[in-house]
Amino acid sequence: MVKLAILLTRRQGMTHQEFLNYRRDIHAPLLLSIPETKQYLRKFVVSAPVPAANYPAPAYDAMVEAWFDNQEDLNAFFQSDNFINIVDPDHINFLDISSVIRLVTEETVVV
């Protein structure tokens, strides 16, 4: 299994709560509307930072983890016409695209 981890920062002029609401109420339904989501995506998790004493303020507004069976499926998903034409154009409405960090990984469970 391959996991894509993505760190997201909201676009300028948007509050953290507006970012979370947009991602949940507008962007997530777009993602779920394309058939490739069901075809290729095995697990999809969005985590939002919470205040934590003795830790630095979060540098990002959310972390996404998307699991795929293999790298070919990951590529097929992100290169699909539906992702390119329906989902991807929406990113500019809530993300600072220049700050997005992507990391393709394979997980090793330690504990």
PDB file of N, CA and C in Angstrom:
ATOM      1  N   MET A   1       0.842  -1.174   0.000  1.00  0.00           N
ATOM      2  CA  MET A   1       0.000   0.000   0.000  1.00  0.00           C
ATOM      3  C   MET A   1       0.892   1.244   0.000  1.00  0.00           C
ATOM      4  N   VAL A   2       0.443   2.273  -0.712  1.00  0.00           N
ATOM      5  CA  VAL A   2       1.171   3.533  -0.813  1.00  0.00           C
ATOM      6  C   VAL A   2       0.305   4.630  -0.201  1.00  0.00           C
ATOM      7  N   LYS A   3       0.940   5.490   0.575  1.00  0.00           N
ATOM      8  CA  LYS A   3       0.209   6.601   1.182  1.00  0.00           C
ATOM      9  C   LYS A   3       0.801   7.914   0.690  1.00  0.00           C
ATOM     10  N   LEU A   4      -0.095   8.826   0.327  1.00  0.00           N
ATOM     11  CA  LEU A   4       0.302  10.181  -0.011  1.00  0.00           C
ATOM     12  C   LEU A   4      -0.066  11.057   1.179  1.00  0.00           C
ATOM     13  N   ALA A   5       0.933  11.687   1.782  1.00  0.00           N
ATOM     14  CA  ALA A   5       0.701  12.629   2.878  1.00  0.00           C
ATOM     15  C   ALA A   5       0.835  14.032   2.298  1.00  0.00           C
ATOM     16  N   ILE A   6      -0.146  14.887   2.606  1.00  0.00           N
ATOM     17  CA  ILE A   6      -0.156  16.245   2.066  1.00  0.00           C
ATOM     18  C   ILE A   6      -0.390  17.218   3.215  1.00  0.00           C
ATOM     19  N   LEU A   7       0.468  18.223   3.328  1.00  0.00           N
ATOM     20  CA  LEU A   7       0.307  19.284   4.321  1.00  0.00           C
ATOM     21  C   LEU A   7      -0.282  20.500   3.621  1.00  0.00           C
ATOM     22  N   LEU A   8      -1.353  21.056   4.209  1.00  0.00           N
ATOM     23  CA  LEU A   8      -2.109  22.127   3.573  1.00  0.00           C
ATOM     24  C   LEU A   8      -2.120  23.396   4.416  1.00  0.00           C
ATOM     25  N   THR A   9      -2.027  24.533   3.735  1.00  0.00           N
ATOM     26  CA  THR A   9      -2.179  25.836   4.363  1.00  0.00           C
ATOM     27  C   THR A   9      -3.309  26.560   3.655  1.00  0.00           C
ATOM     28  N   ARG A  10      -4.149  27.216   4.424  1.00  0.00           N
ATOM     29  CA  ARG A  10      -5.289  27.936   3.840  1.00  0.00           C
ATOM     30  C   ARG A  10      -4.813  29.137   3.025  1.00  0.00           C
ATOM     31  N   ARG A  11      -5.650  29.551   2.092  1.00  0.00           N
ATOM     32  CA  ARG A  11      -5.316  30.718   1.273  1.00  0.00           C
ATOM     33  C   ARG A  11      -5.418  31.978   2.116  1.00  0.00           C
ATOM     34  N   GLN A  12      -4.709  32.987   1.695  1.00  0.00           N
ATOM     35  CA  GLN A  12      -4.686  34.261   2.406  1.00  0.00           C
ATOM     36  C   GLN A  12      -6.089  34.855   2.460  1.00  0.00           C
ATOM     37  N   GLY A  13      -6.432  35.449   3.604  1.00  0.00           N
ATOM     38  CA  GLY A  13      -7.730  36.079   3.788  1.00  0.00           C
ATOM     39  C   GLY A  13      -8.807  35.145   4.297  1.00  0.00           C
ATOM     40  N   MET A  14      -8.488  33.884   4.495  1.00  0.00           N
ATOM     41  CA  MET A  14      -9.444  32.884   4.966  1.00  0.00           C
ATOM     42  C   MET A  14      -9.071  32.496   6.391  1.00  0.00           C
ATOM     43  N   THR A  15     -10.055  32.454   7.282  1.00  0.00           N
ATOM     44  CA  THR A  15      -9.776  32.007   8.645  1.00  0.00           C
ATOM     45  C   THR A  15      -9.607  30.496   8.657  1.00  0.00           C
ATOM     46  N   HIS A  16      -9.031  29.993   9.735  1.00  0.00           N
ATOM     47  CA  HIS A  16      -8.860  28.544   9.866  1.00  0.00           C
ATOM     48  C   HIS A  16     -10.221  27.846   9.821  1.00  0.00           C
ATOM     49  N   GLN A  17     -11.217  28.411  10.502  1.00  0.00           N
ATOM     50  CA  GLN A  17     -12.543  27.789  10.511  1.00  0.00           C
ATOM     51  C   GLN A  17     -13.193  27.832   9.126  1.00  0.00           C
ATOM     52  N   GLU A  18     -13.039  28.940   8.411  1.00  0.00           N
ATOM     53  CA  GLU A  18     -13.560  29.013   7.039  1.00  0.00           C
ATOM     54  C   GLU A  18     -12.894  27.953   6.159  1.00  0.00           C
ATOM     55  N   PHE A  19     -11.596  27.783   6.348  1.00  0.00           N
ATOM     56  CA  PHE A  19     -10.857  26.751   5.616  1.00  0.00           C
ATOM     57  C   PHE A  19     -11.427  25.367   5.912  1.00  0.00           C
ATOM     58  N   LEU A  20     -11.602  25.056   7.191  1.00  0.00           N
ATOM     59  CA  LEU A  20     -12.128  23.740   7.567  1.00  0.00           C
ATOM     60  C   LEU A  20     -13.531  23.527   7.015  1.00  0.00           C
ATOM     61  N   ASN A  21     -14.380  24.535   7.110  1.00  0.00           N
ATOM     62  CA  ASN A  21     -15.750  24.426   6.601  1.00  0.00           C
ATOM     63  C   ASN A  21     -15.765  24.231   5.088  1.00  0.00           C
ATOM     64  N   TYR A  22     -14.967  24.992   4.375  1.00  0.00           N
ATOM     65  CA  TYR A  22     -14.923  24.874   2.914  1.00  0.00           C
ATOM     66  C   TYR A  22     -14.453  23.478   2.512  1.00  0.00           C
ATOM     67  N   ARG A  23     -13.375  23.030   3.133  1.00  0.00           N
ATOM     68  CA  ARG A  23     -12.833  21.716   2.799  1.00  0.00           C
ATOM     69  C   ARG A  23     -13.865  20.618   3.046  1.00  0.00           C
ATOM     70  N   ARG A  24     -14.589  20.716   4.161  1.00  0.00           N
ATOM     71  CA  ARG A  24     -15.576  19.697   4.520  1.00  0.00           C
ATOM     72  C   ARG A  24     -16.860  19.806   3.689  1.00  0.00           C
ATOM     73  N   ASP A  25     -17.381  21.015   3.526  1.00  0.00           N
ATOM     74  CA  ASP A  25     -18.713  21.188   2.946  1.00  0.00           C
ATOM     75  C   ASP A  25     -18.734  21.363   1.429  1.00  0.00           C
ATOM     76  N   ILE A  26     -17.641  21.811   0.859  1.00  0.00           N
ATOM     77  CA  ILE A  26     -17.616  22.066  -0.585  1.00  0.00           C
ATOM     78  C   ILE A  26     -16.606  21.163  -1.297  1.00  0.00           C
ATOM     79  N   HIS A  27     -15.371  21.138  -0.797  1.00  0.00           N
ATOM     80  CA  HIS A  27     -14.337  20.369  -1.508  1.00  0.00           C
ATOM     81  C   HIS A  27     -14.523  18.855  -1.358  1.00  0.00           C
ATOM     82  N   ALA A  28     -14.791  18.386  -0.168  1.00  0.00           N
ATOM     83  CA  ALA A  28     -14.965  16.936   0.029  1.00  0.00           C
ATOM     84  C   ALA A  28     -16.071  16.363  -0.854  1.00  0.00           C
ATOM     85  N   PRO A  29     -17.253  17.011  -0.964  1.00  0.00           N
ATOM     86  CA  PRO A  29     -18.263  16.478  -1.880  1.00  0.00           C
ATOM     87  C   PRO A  29     -17.789  16.413  -3.338  1.00  0.00           C
ATOM     88  N   LEU A  30     -16.965  17.379  -3.772  1.00  0.00           N
ATOM     89  CA  LEU A  30     -16.400  17.300  -5.127  1.00  0.00           C
ATOM     90  C   LEU A  30     -15.532  16.055  -5.279  1.00  0.00           C
ATOM     91  N   LEU A  31     -14.671  15.831  -4.299  1.00  0.00           N
ATOM     92  CA  LEU A  31     -13.801  14.657  -4.321  1.00  0.00           C
ATOM     93  C   LEU A  31     -14.623  13.367  -4.360  1.00  0.00           C
ATOM     94  N   LEU A  32     -15.649  13.314  -3.541  1.00  0.00           N
ATOM     95  CA  LEU A  32     -16.479  12.108  -3.477  1.00  0.00           C
ATOM     96  C   LEU A  32     -17.357  11.926  -4.709  1.00  0.00           C
ATOM     97  N   SER A  33     -17.540  12.975  -5.500  1.00  0.00           N
ATOM     98  CA  SER A  33     -18.424  12.901  -6.660  1.00  0.00           C
ATOM     99  C   SER A  33     -17.795  12.199  -7.865  1.00  0.00           C
ATOM    100  N   ILE A  34     -16.483  12.063  -7.879  1.00  0.00           N
ATOM    101  CA  ILE A  34     -15.858  11.444  -9.052  1.00  0.00           C
ATOM    102  C   ILE A  34     -15.700   9.934  -8.833  1.00  0.00           C
ATOM    103  N   PRO A  35     -15.944   9.131  -9.863  1.00  0.00           N
ATOM    104  CA  PRO A  35     -15.876   7.669  -9.703  1.00  0.00           C
ATOM    105  C   PRO A  35     -14.482   7.160  -9.354  1.00  0.00           C
ATOM    106  N   GLU A  36     -13.447   7.901  -9.704  1.00  0.00           N
ATOM    107  CA  GLU A  36     -12.084   7.471  -9.401  1.00  0.00           C
ATOM    108  C   GLU A  36     -11.823   7.404  -7.900  1.00  0.00           C
ATOM    109  N   THR A  37     -12.566   8.171  -7.123  1.00  0.00           N
ATOM    110  CA  THR A  37     -12.400   8.109  -5.672  1.00  0.00           C
ATOM    111  C   THR A  37     -12.714   6.706  -5.174  1.00  0.00           C
ATOM    112  N   LYS A  38     -13.825   6.167  -5.609  1.00  0.00           N
ATOM    113  CA  LYS A  38     -14.210   4.805  -5.208  1.00  0.00           C
ATOM    114  C   LYS A  38     -13.304   3.757  -5.850  1.00  0.00           C
ATOM    115  N   GLN A  39     -12.873   4.024  -7.061  1.00  0.00           N
ATOM    116  CA  GLN A  39     -12.060   3.063  -7.801  1.00  0.00           C
ATOM    117  C   GLN A  39     -10.648   2.921  -7.231  1.00  0.00           C
ATOM    118  N   TYR A  40     -10.007   4.028  -6.873  1.00  0.00           N
ATOM    119  CA  TYR A  40      -8.594   3.982  -6.508  1.00  0.00           C
ATOM    120  C   TYR A  40      -8.280   4.252  -5.040  1.00  0.00           C
ATOM    121  N   LEU A  41      -9.064   5.067  -4.403  1.00  0.00           N
ATOM    122  CA  LEU A  41      -8.747   5.505  -3.043  1.00  0.00           C
ATOM    123  C   LEU A  41      -9.188   4.455  -2.031  1.00  0.00           C
ATOM    124  N   ARG A  42      -8.280   3.986  -1.188  1.00  0.00           N
ATOM    125  CA  ARG A  42      -8.597   2.946  -0.205  1.00  0.00           C
ATOM    126  C   ARG A  42      -8.930   3.533   1.164  1.00  0.00           C
ATOM    127  N   LYS A  43      -8.299   4.646   1.495  1.00  0.00           N
ATOM    128  CA  LYS A  43      -8.555   5.320   2.762  1.00  0.00           C
ATOM    129  C   LYS A  43      -8.179   6.781   2.579  1.00  0.00           C
ATOM    130  N   PHE A  44      -8.961   7.662   3.205  1.00  0.00           N
ATOM    131  CA  PHE A  44      -8.707   9.091   3.076  1.00  0.00           C
ATOM    132  C   PHE A  44      -8.988   9.725   4.428  1.00  0.00           C
ATOM    133  N   VAL A  45      -7.977  10.359   5.007  1.00  0.00           N
ATOM    134  CA  VAL A  45      -8.107  10.953   6.338  1.00  0.00           C
ATOM    135  C   VAL A  45      -7.636  12.396   6.267  1.00  0.00           C
ATOM    136  N   VAL A  46      -8.413  13.287   6.872  1.00  0.00           N
ATOM    137  CA  VAL A  46      -8.003  14.684   6.995  1.00  0.00           C
ATOM    138  C   VAL A  46      -7.871  14.976   8.483  1.00  0.00           C
ATOM    139  N   SER A  47      -6.724  15.471   8.883  1.00  0.00           N
ATOM    140  CA  SER A  47      -6.470  15.825  10.278  1.00  0.00           C
ATOM    141  C   SER A  47      -6.238  17.319  10.374  1.00  0.00           C
ATOM    142  N   ALA A  48      -6.876  17.942  11.353  1.00  0.00           N
ATOM    143  CA  ALA A  48      -6.686  19.366  11.610  1.00  0.00           C
ATOM    144  C   ALA A  48      -5.949  19.522  12.928  1.00  0.00           C
ATOM    145  N   PRO A  49      -4.984  20.428  13.002  1.00  0.00           N
ATOM    146  CA  PRO A  49      -4.235  20.602  14.248  1.00  0.00           C
ATOM    147  C   PRO A  49      -5.118  21.176  15.354  1.00  0.00           C
ATOM    148  N   VAL A  50      -4.757  20.840  16.560  1.00  0.00           N
ATOM    149  CA  VAL A  50      -5.438  21.367  17.744  1.00  0.00           C
ATOM    150  C   VAL A  50      -4.384  22.025  18.632  1.00  0.00           C
ATOM    151  N   PRO A  51      -4.788  23.014  19.422  1.00  0.00           N
ATOM    152  CA  PRO A  51      -3.825  23.626  20.337  1.00  0.00           C
ATOM    153  C   PRO A  51      -3.274  22.573  21.305  1.00  0.00           C
ATOM    154  N   ALA A  52      -1.982  22.624  21.524  1.00  0.00           N
ATOM    155  CA  ALA A  52      -1.347  21.655  22.419  1.00  0.00           C
ATOM    156  C   ALA A  52      -0.269  22.382  23.226  1.00  0.00           C
ATOM    157  N   ALA A  53      -0.458  22.397  24.530  1.00  0.00           N
ATOM    158  CA  ALA A  53       0.512  23.041  25.419  1.00  0.00           C
ATOM    159  C   ALA A  53       1.887  22.409  25.226  1.00  0.00           C
ATOM    160  N   ASN A  54       2.922  23.230  25.306  1.00  0.00           N
ATOM    161  CA  ASN A  54       4.316  22.802  25.198  1.00  0.00           C
ATOM    162  C   ASN A  54       4.722  22.360  23.793  1.00  0.00           C
ATOM    163  N   TYR A  55       3.888  22.645  22.793  1.00  0.00           N
ATOM    164  CA  TYR A  55       4.228  22.358  21.401  1.00  0.00           C
ATOM    165  C   TYR A  55       4.137  23.653  20.611  1.00  0.00           C
ATOM    166  N   PRO A  56       4.937  23.791  19.563  1.00  0.00           N
ATOM    167  CA  PRO A  56       4.867  25.024  18.767  1.00  0.00           C
ATOM    168  C   PRO A  56       3.519  25.131  18.047  1.00  0.00           C
ATOM    169  N   ALA A  57       3.160  26.341  17.670  1.00  0.00           N
ATOM    170  CA  ALA A  57       1.932  26.545  16.891  1.00  0.00           C
ATOM    171  C   ALA A  57       2.064  25.779  15.575  1.00  0.00           C
ATOM    172  N   PRO A  58       0.977  25.222  15.091  1.00  0.00           N
ATOM    173  CA  PRO A  58       1.046  24.451  13.843  1.00  0.00           C
ATOM    174  C   PRO A  58       1.458  25.323  12.656  1.00  0.00           C
ATOM    175  N   ALA A  59       2.258  24.754  11.789  1.00  0.00           N
ATOM    176  CA  ALA A  59       2.703  25.456  10.594  1.00  0.00           C
ATOM    177  C   ALA A  59       1.729  25.256   9.432  1.00  0.00           C
ATOM    178  N   TYR A  60       0.799  24.309   9.575  1.00  0.00           N
ATOM    179  CA  TYR A  60      -0.157  23.979   8.516  1.00  0.00           C
ATOM    180  C   TYR A  60      -1.557  23.924   9.098  1.00  0.00           C
ATOM    181  N   ASP A  61      -2.552  24.047   8.221  1.00  0.00           N
ATOM    182  CA  ASP A  61      -3.953  24.037   8.643  1.00  0.00           C
ATOM    183  C   ASP A  61      -4.578  22.648   8.599  1.00  0.00           C
ATOM    184  N   ALA A  62      -3.967  21.728   7.880  1.00  0.00           N
ATOM    185  CA  ALA A  62      -4.498  20.365   7.816  1.00  0.00           C
ATOM    186  C   ALA A  62      -3.447  19.438   7.230  1.00  0.00           C
ATOM    187  N   MET A  63      -3.638  18.159   7.520  1.00  0.00           N
ATOM    188  CA  MET A  63      -2.824  17.114   6.919  1.00  0.00           C
ATOM    189  C   MET A  63      -3.780  16.091   6.312  1.00  0.00           C
ATOM    190  N   VAL A  64      -3.529  15.731   5.068  1.00  0.00           N
ATOM    191  CA  VAL A  64      -4.338  14.733   4.376  1.00  0.00           C
ATOM    192  C   VAL A  64      -3.490  13.485   4.199  1.00  0.00           C
ATOM    193  N   GLU A  65      -4.120  12.339   4.417  1.00  0.00           N
ATOM    194  CA  GLU A  65      -3.481  11.057   4.138  1.00  0.00           C
ATOM    195  C   GLU A  65      -4.399  10.301   3.193  1.00  0.00           C
ATOM    196  N   ALA A  66      -3.866   9.940   2.024  1.00  0.00           N
ATOM    197  CA  ALA A  66      -4.637   9.216   1.020  1.00  0.00           C
ATOM    198  C   ALA A  66      -3.916   7.914   0.707  1.00  0.00           C
ATOM    199  N   TRP A  67      -4.605   6.775   0.901  1.00  0.00           N
ATOM    200  CA  TRP A  67      -4.021   5.459   0.685  1.00  0.00           C
ATOM    201  C   TRP A  67      -4.476   4.877  -0.646  1.00  0.00           C
ATOM    202  N   PHE A  68      -3.529   4.273  -1.343  1.00  0.00           N
ATOM    203  CA  PHE A  68      -3.780   3.618  -2.626  1.00  0.00           C
ATOM    204  C   PHE A  68      -3.128   2.244  -2.593  1.00  0.00           C
ATOM    205  N   ASP A  69      -3.630   1.313  -3.417  1.00  0.00           N
ATOM    206  CA  ASP A  69      -3.041  -0.033  -3.464  1.00  0.00           C
ATOM    207  C   ASP A  69      -1.594  -0.005  -3.943  1.00  0.00           C
ATOM    208  N   ASN A  70      -1.295   0.906  -4.866  1.00  0.00           N
ATOM    209  CA  ASN A  70       0.056   0.985  -5.422  1.00  0.00           C
ATOM    210  C   ASN A  70       0.255   2.357  -6.070  1.00  0.00           C
ATOM    211  N   GLN A  71       1.464   2.611  -6.505  1.00  0.00           N
ATOM    212  CA  GLN A  71       1.780   3.913  -7.075  1.00  0.00           C
ATOM    213  C   GLN A  71       1.071   4.129  -8.416  1.00  0.00           C
ATOM    214  N   GLU A  72       0.823   3.053  -9.151  1.00  0.00           N
ATOM    215  CA  GLU A  72       0.097   3.185 -10.416  1.00  0.00           C
ATOM    216  C   GLU A  72      -1.316   3.719 -10.180  1.00  0.00           C
ATOM    217  N   ASP A  73      -1.984   3.234  -9.115  1.00  0.00           N
ATOM    218  CA  ASP A  73      -3.327   3.724  -8.793  1.00  0.00           C
ATOM    219  C   ASP A  73      -3.285   5.179  -8.327  1.00  0.00           C
ATOM    220  N   LEU A  74      -2.267   5.526  -7.541  1.00  0.00           N
ATOM    221  CA  LEU A  74      -2.097   6.914  -7.119  1.00  0.00           C
ATOM    222  C   LEU A  74      -1.985   7.818  -8.346  1.00  0.00           C
ATOM    223  N   ASN A  75      -1.140   7.424  -9.295  1.00  0.00           N
ATOM    224  CA  ASN A  75      -0.953   8.214 -10.510  1.00  0.00           C
ATOM    225  C   ASN A  75      -2.236   8.265 -11.341  1.00  0.00           C
ATOM    226  N   ALA A  76      -2.921   7.134 -11.471  1.00  0.00           N
ATOM    227  CA  ALA A  76      -4.162   7.094 -12.257  1.00  0.00           C
ATOM    228  C   ALA A  76      -5.209   8.022 -11.659  1.00  0.00           C
ATOM    229  N   PHE A  77      -5.290   8.061 -10.339  1.00  0.00           N
ATOM    230  CA  PHE A  77      -6.254   8.926  -9.669  1.00  0.00           C
ATOM    231  C   PHE A  77      -5.975  10.394  -9.969  1.00  0.00           C
ATOM    232  N   PHE A  78      -4.747  10.835  -9.696  1.00  0.00           N
ATOM    233  CA  PHE A  78      -4.411  12.248  -9.847  1.00  0.00           C
ATOM    234  C   PHE A  78      -4.277  12.686 -11.304  1.00  0.00           C
ATOM    235  N   GLN A  79      -4.106  11.742 -12.212  1.00  0.00           N
ATOM    236  CA  GLN A  79      -4.020  12.078 -13.632  1.00  0.00           C
ATOM    237  C   GLN A  79      -5.346  11.874 -14.365  1.00  0.00           C
ATOM    238  N   SER A  80      -6.383  11.465 -13.644  1.00  0.00           N
ATOM    239  CA  SER A  80      -7.680  11.244 -14.290  1.00  0.00           C
ATOM    240  C   SER A  80      -8.289  12.572 -14.728  1.00  0.00           C
ATOM    241  N   ASP A  81      -9.048  12.538 -15.803  1.00  0.00           N
ATOM    242  CA  ASP A  81      -9.717  13.744 -16.297  1.00  0.00           C
ATOM    243  C   ASP A  81     -10.627  14.341 -15.239  1.00  0.00           C
ATOM    244  N   ASN A  82     -11.336  13.493 -14.493  1.00  0.00           N
ATOM    245  CA  ASN A  82     -12.254  14.007 -13.472  1.00  0.00           C
ATOM    246  C   ASN A  82     -11.518  14.730 -12.353  1.00  0.00           C
ATOM    247  N   PHE A  83     -10.390  14.192 -11.913  1.00  0.00           N
ATOM    248  CA  PHE A  83      -9.636  14.895 -10.879  1.00  0.00           C
ATOM    249  C   PHE A  83      -9.103  16.216 -11.440  1.00  0.00           C
ATOM    250  N   ILE A  84      -8.529  16.158 -12.612  1.00  0.00           N
ATOM    251  CA  ILE A  84      -7.925  17.350 -13.219  1.00  0.00           C
ATOM    252  C   ILE A  84      -8.962  18.433 -13.492  1.00  0.00           C
ATOM    253  N   ASN A  85     -10.156  18.051 -13.948  1.00  0.00           N
ATOM    254  CA  ASN A  85     -11.153  19.037 -14.379  1.00  0.00           C
ATOM    255  C   ASN A  85     -12.189  19.406 -13.328  1.00  0.00           C
ATOM    256  N   ILE A  86     -12.401  18.550 -12.325  1.00  0.00           N
ATOM    257  CA  ILE A  86     -13.441  18.810 -11.324  1.00  0.00           C
ATOM    258  C   ILE A  86     -12.847  19.143  -9.957  1.00  0.00           C
ATOM    259  N   VAL A  87     -11.942  18.325  -9.480  1.00  0.00           N
ATOM    260  CA  VAL A  87     -11.425  18.470  -8.117  1.00  0.00           C
ATOM    261  C   VAL A  87     -10.277  19.479  -8.044  1.00  0.00           C
ATOM    262  N   ASP A  88      -9.282  19.313  -8.871  1.00  0.00           N
ATOM    263  CA  ASP A  88      -8.086  20.143  -8.774  1.00  0.00           C
ATOM    264  C   ASP A  88      -8.359  21.647  -8.925  1.00  0.00           C
ATOM    265  N   PRO A  89      -9.220  22.074  -9.849  1.00  0.00           N
ATOM    266  CA  PRO A  89      -9.453  23.525  -9.978  1.00  0.00           C
ATOM    267  C   PRO A  89     -10.018  24.174  -8.708  1.00  0.00           C
ATOM    268  N   ASP A  90     -10.654  23.389  -7.846  1.00  0.00           N
ATOM    269  CA  ASP A  90     -11.235  23.934  -6.620  1.00  0.00           C
ATOM    270  C   ASP A  90     -10.175  24.270  -5.575  1.00  0.00           C
ATOM    271  N   HIS A  91      -8.989  23.703  -5.692  1.00  0.00           N
ATOM    272  CA  HIS A  91      -7.965  23.910  -4.667  1.00  0.00           C
ATOM    273  C   HIS A  91      -7.626  25.389  -4.459  1.00  0.00           C
ATOM    274  N   ILE A  92      -7.642  26.178  -5.512  1.00  0.00           N
ATOM    275  CA  ILE A  92      -7.292  27.599  -5.367  1.00  0.00           C
ATOM    276  C   ILE A  92      -8.308  28.376  -4.526  1.00  0.00           C
ATOM    277  N   ASN A  93      -9.499  27.797  -4.344  1.00  0.00           N
ATOM    278  CA  ASN A  93     -10.538  28.477  -3.566  1.00  0.00           C
ATOM    279  C   ASN A  93     -10.304  28.417  -2.063  1.00  0.00           C
ATOM    280  N   PHE A  94      -9.419  27.513  -1.597  1.00  0.00           N
ATOM    281  CA  PHE A  94      -9.201  27.415  -0.154  1.00  0.00           C
ATOM    282  C   PHE A  94      -7.763  27.122   0.251  1.00  0.00           C
ATOM    283  N   LEU A  95      -6.876  26.880  -0.710  1.00  0.00           N
ATOM    284  CA  LEU A  95      -5.488  26.538  -0.391  1.00  0.00           C
ATOM    285  C   LEU A  95      -4.504  27.592  -0.873  1.00  0.00           C
ATOM    286  N   ASP A  96      -3.413  27.726  -0.123  1.00  0.00           N
ATOM    287  CA  ASP A  96      -2.236  28.437  -0.605  1.00  0.00           C
ATOM    288  C   ASP A  96      -1.428  27.389  -1.368  1.00  0.00           C
ATOM    289  N   ILE A  97      -1.635  27.329  -2.653  1.00  0.00           N
ATOM    290  CA  ILE A  97      -1.050  26.282  -3.495  1.00  0.00           C
ATOM    291  C   ILE A  97       0.480  26.254  -3.381  1.00  0.00           C
ATOM    292  N   SER A  98       1.096  27.398  -3.228  1.00  0.00           N
ATOM    293  CA  SER A  98       2.561  27.466  -3.180  1.00  0.00           C
ATOM    294  C   SER A  98       3.145  26.806  -1.932  1.00  0.00           C
ATOM    295  N   SER A  99       2.329  26.596  -0.902  1.00  0.00           N
ATOM    296  CA  SER A  99       2.857  26.032   0.341  1.00  0.00           C
ATOM    297  C   SER A  99       2.529  24.549   0.532  1.00  0.00           C
ATOM    298  N   VAL A 100       1.831  23.948  -0.418  1.00  0.00           N
ATOM    299  CA  VAL A 100       1.434  22.540  -0.280  1.00  0.00           C
ATOM    300  C   VAL A 100       2.674  21.650  -0.316  1.00  0.00           C
ATOM    301  N   ILE A 101       2.749  20.730   0.644  1.00  0.00           N
ATOM    302  CA  ILE A 101       3.842  19.758   0.724  1.00  0.00           C
ATOM    303  C   ILE A 101       3.252  18.373   0.465  1.00  0.00           C
ATOM    304  N   ARG A 102       3.855  17.621  -0.450  1.00  0.00           N
ATOM    305  CA  ARG A 102       3.395  16.263  -0.770  1.00  0.00           C
ATOM    306  C   ARG A 102       4.538  15.278  -0.529  1.00  0.00           C
ATOM    307  N   LEU A 103       4.181  14.135   0.062  1.00  0.00           N
ATOM    308  CA  LEU A 103       5.164  13.109   0.333  1.00  0.00           C
ATOM    309  C   LEU A 103       4.539  11.746   0.057  1.00  0.00           C
ATOM    310  N   VAL A 104       5.059  11.030  -0.939  1.00  0.00           N
ATOM    311  CA  VAL A 104       4.601   9.671  -1.240  1.00  0.00           C
ATOM    312  C   VAL A 104       5.380   8.727  -0.340  1.00  0.00           C
ATOM    313  N   THR A 105       4.649   7.888   0.405  1.00  0.00           N
ATOM    314  CA  THR A 105       5.303   7.048   1.406  1.00  0.00           C
ATOM    315  C   THR A 105       4.786   5.614   1.384  1.00  0.00           C
ATOM    316  N   GLU A 106       5.554   4.744   2.012  1.00  0.00           N
ATOM    317  CA  GLU A 106       5.106   3.414   2.395  1.00  0.00           C
ATOM    318  C   GLU A 106       5.230   3.369   3.904  1.00  0.00           C
ATOM    319  N   GLU A 107       4.187   2.911   4.554  1.00  0.00           N
ATOM    320  CA  GLU A 107       4.149   2.926   6.009  1.00  0.00           C
ATOM    321  C   GLU A 107       4.842   1.698   6.607  1.00  0.00           C
ATOM    322  N   THR A 108       5.566   1.930   7.690  1.00  0.00           N
ATOM    323  CA  THR A 108       6.128   0.845   8.488  1.00  0.00           C
ATOM    324  C   THR A 108       5.562   1.019   9.892  1.00  0.00           C
ATOM    325  N   VAL A 109       4.753   0.075  10.325  1.00  0.00           N
ATOM    326  CA  VAL A 109       4.182   0.162  11.667  1.00  0.00           C
ATOM    327  C   VAL A 109       5.241  -0.297  12.667  1.00  0.00           C
ATOM    328  N   VAL A 110       5.541   0.555  13.631  1.00  0.00           N
ATOM    329  CA  VAL A 110       6.560   0.267  14.631  1.00  0.00           C
ATOM    330  C   VAL A 110       5.944  -0.273  15.903  1.00  0.00           C
ATOM    331  N   VAL A 111       4.804   0.261  16.307  1.00  0.00           N
ATOM    332  CA  VAL A 111       4.122  -0.204  17.526  1.00  0.00           C
ATOM    333  C   VAL A 111       2.718  -0.610  17.175  1.00  0.00           C
TER     334      VAL A 111
END
